[in-house]
């Protein structure tokens, strides 16, 4: 293809900071908590070398204009929203119609709601206070109404940093990824900031919000979204494995009183990602010890709860490596951990303790191995008849960092060998910069979209979908471990893989995920603008595109019938061109067809919200 002589193909250069017009118009409404200050976006960090001796031609102006538009569009995903609803609002259908047979229930989505306080401090999106959104589907005969509510999770940190009388905010907790500008730095031991902004769990008639950094989840009242309080799921849980006398056991005992007493870290960190074993009707959760963040010695505890939150299973595993686990997998036989390897950064640890750098700078990724260790930990050791030592990981032939798991399952082949299949999104260690996720620059307190968008030569470093296949013989000895692009589809960037939850832990044929079309030269990789459906059996790939300047978040599958792909996909759409948020309903069977869109519902303009992380669907009981 002949190159366009007026097309600039060099690395994207975003313009100098500009004043972004206020996105949300503030309307006084009885259903909204009034705002004292309009929301604002985190501005992007941009290089100032755009001023050069390059002649100003029409093509140059077009490229600069596209950079400005890309910069502004990226900010729309991270616009603070201070408003909360006091009562449900009916969403208007602007395209299509909600089917009368749509299941009755609620789609819950959590994510950060606030990025800037009233005293000059900004925070990383992962440190933003949890903002819970609820979309409830009510059926009335042939008409289905969708009601919307949104409220902050009233965590201890939120109650401390927000003044409900004046409506103002002052960040006092540093958080793991941020440094305060207007607050105390040196001597500030408020490092852990449980903002309950990562995942939502609906189980046993209860609703909870969980946080990436670990800690107790917060229970939420489903109807009103009022915060009930912390749920102490691990309270009184004695360790299964007693502490030893090794050097790392001694180090752990020395660190515990410092982390728990001085920095107020919980003894165990409950990870935000959980699993639902639909076959056994169990909730699976996982924790690690607080001191494990700083030591090459991890103690992972897995819990299994019945539908009444009664603990029916608990296993503890000690892994002699320094790992940072975000997501994990399970099968009928195993808990599965992908070893995202990290190491202690001594200089970063010193500066983070002094409040000069974020706490996460105490860690750095550790790409010293050419392979990726995968631990297959027995769920039911008495049922696993093998001689393999679970302490010895399976070594995947390539080095990668696990992002999210879609599904995993195992089965016996005709030779009595065990086959383990895992569908996930992974990325390169080279792309993982812990303190710059989403392009956040803690030194300037600004967002840079170029960090999330690489040129074509580096795109393979970005998150993409893979299938990991492990074959074990009758004694549990690994015979083969392969890592291939899922359906041989090499599209980057792709993440947030999900399936029909009824097939969780079982063999599935379909995976859905968020991906990008790459149609924008300045934002080729992120944000996402498409939903992809992969048929593992036929190796087919089908996509639905939100359209120009419309971004999407994580898809969620809502089952409707007995077939695996019979149902709907819910996904939030952030239409930056018109500065609106929409709830989109797709027919999961028709993704790839012209009529895949079922309905698009508009969120009121004054309630536009930032990019959400993870959500869940809860059927009406």
Foldseek 3Di string as FASTA:
>chain_A
DDDDPLADPDAQFAADWDDAPQQFDFDDDPFKDHAPDGWAFFAADTDHPLDDPPDDDPSNVVSRVLSHVVRNLLRLQGIAFLMWTQAWDWFDFPDFADFLLAFFFKWKFKFARHADFPQGFGFDRLLHAIKMKIWGWDHDPGHIITIIGIDTAPAVQNVVQADSVSRGGDHAAQEQQAFTDRYDFFPRLNHHRFRLGFEWDQFLNWIWGGHQFFDFTWTADVRRRHTPGTDCLCPPPDDPDDQDDDPVSVVLVVCVCCCCPRNVDDQKGKHRDWAADLVVQKIKTKIWGPCLQAAQKIKMKIFIAHRNSDTDAIDIDIARGRADFREWAAAPWFTKGKGQHKHADVVQCVCCNRRNGRNNSRIAGDPPDQWIFMATHTRDVVPQQADDDSNGTDTERGDWAFDYWAAKYWDADPQRKIKIKTKGKIFHSVLDDPNQPQQQDNVVRHRHLSSQPDRPVRQRRAIAIWMWMWIAHSNRHTPDIYIAGQLNDRAAPKHQKYFQSSQHNHDDFKIKIFFDPLPRVNNRHDDTFKIWIAGRVVSDIFIDGNDPQKGKAHWAFDASDDDRQAGWIWIWIQRSVSRWIWIWIFGSVQRRHPRRTNTITTDPSNRSGHHTHYMYIDGDD
